[in-house]
Amino acid sequence: MADAQVHDSPTEWVKEHIRVYVESGGREGHLWNGTPTLLLTTKGRRSGLLRRTALIYGRDGDAFVVVASQGGKPAHPSWYLNLEAEPRVEVQVGTEAFTATARTATADERSRLWPLMADIWPDYDAYQKKTTREIPVVVLERA
């Protein structure tokens, strides 16, 4: 994945956050508003293009945990749909980059991990209340 051109998130503030993260090699951008973020690169399920976005993360042992909230919108974010189609992803956490396998947390895992993530970003609870879909929790494990 690393050799192909990567297309960043279309949202302007996210593009800027990613730009700083990438240009600094992860020395800047890891913390966003005091919250830890990682860069997730997925392969577009229709286009085949690499797509990168910045996400808030938590840790569960050696795994990284992210939430497919999209601010509580009714549909899952594109990055989540992409990793459902192709679970092999690239992750950058600070200055460290690695390949990972992404999977949706099981119901038991979600019930344990959701409070962890809501402690990191309390708006997740508000996002869940805004939508009828169950917001997925995603586990990223090093490949």
Foldseek 3Di string as FASTA:
>chain_A
DVVADEAEDPDVVFVVLVVVCVVVLLQPSCADVNFGKKKKWFQQPPPRHIYITIFGWDDDPQKIKGWQLPQLDADGDRRVVRCVNPQWIWMGRRNDIAIWGKDWDDPVVCVVCVVVVCVRPVSSVVSCVSYPDDITMMITGGD
